[in-house]
């Protein structure tokens, strides 16, 4: 009896089981890590005294396994200043980090301020950690999942603003488990 269940060619139930097992392994997960996100050198002094004007558009961004890092700093920060935001003034003062998006003529468009203890923190190596978000969902879909995202900012040794977004999630799609993890980087040049 056991021998008959193992041979998929003779048992339709075994064929179905082989298909389900193959699908389960095919849908289990994806990992996309840009090693540059971990290898990029930090300027601790420049990060601690972060200020200046940077382009809103990345000069470099990760593209790994179908995942792409953000192209605009405004998208990374979830600030939507409109189409005219070509640069951002960044200033760290009195335990507050402010981002002021401006157009080509320096006209302010939109801003956001993070405060220490209220969405702004620091990692042990001196990088700026913005609010970590997490959540679960599924609603009217045939699946359910949970995920978390961490956003890190720092100035590298070339004076560029580096944005690292990392996070992952896991869940079920029907009866199939899945998981994903990504660590992606975007680099923004100083305004010239």
Foldseek 3Di string as FASTA:
>chain_A
DVVQLCPCVRDVVNVVVVVVVVVLVVFAEEEAEDVCLVVFAFDLVCFVFPWAKWFQAFPDKDDTPNDTDDGGPCVVVVHDQDDQFGMWTWGQDPQKIKTFTAGPVRHTRDMDIAGVVRQWDADPVRWIKGHKDKDKDDPPAQKIKIKIKIWIWGAGPVRKIKIKIWMKMWIDRNNHIYIYIYIMMTIIGGDD
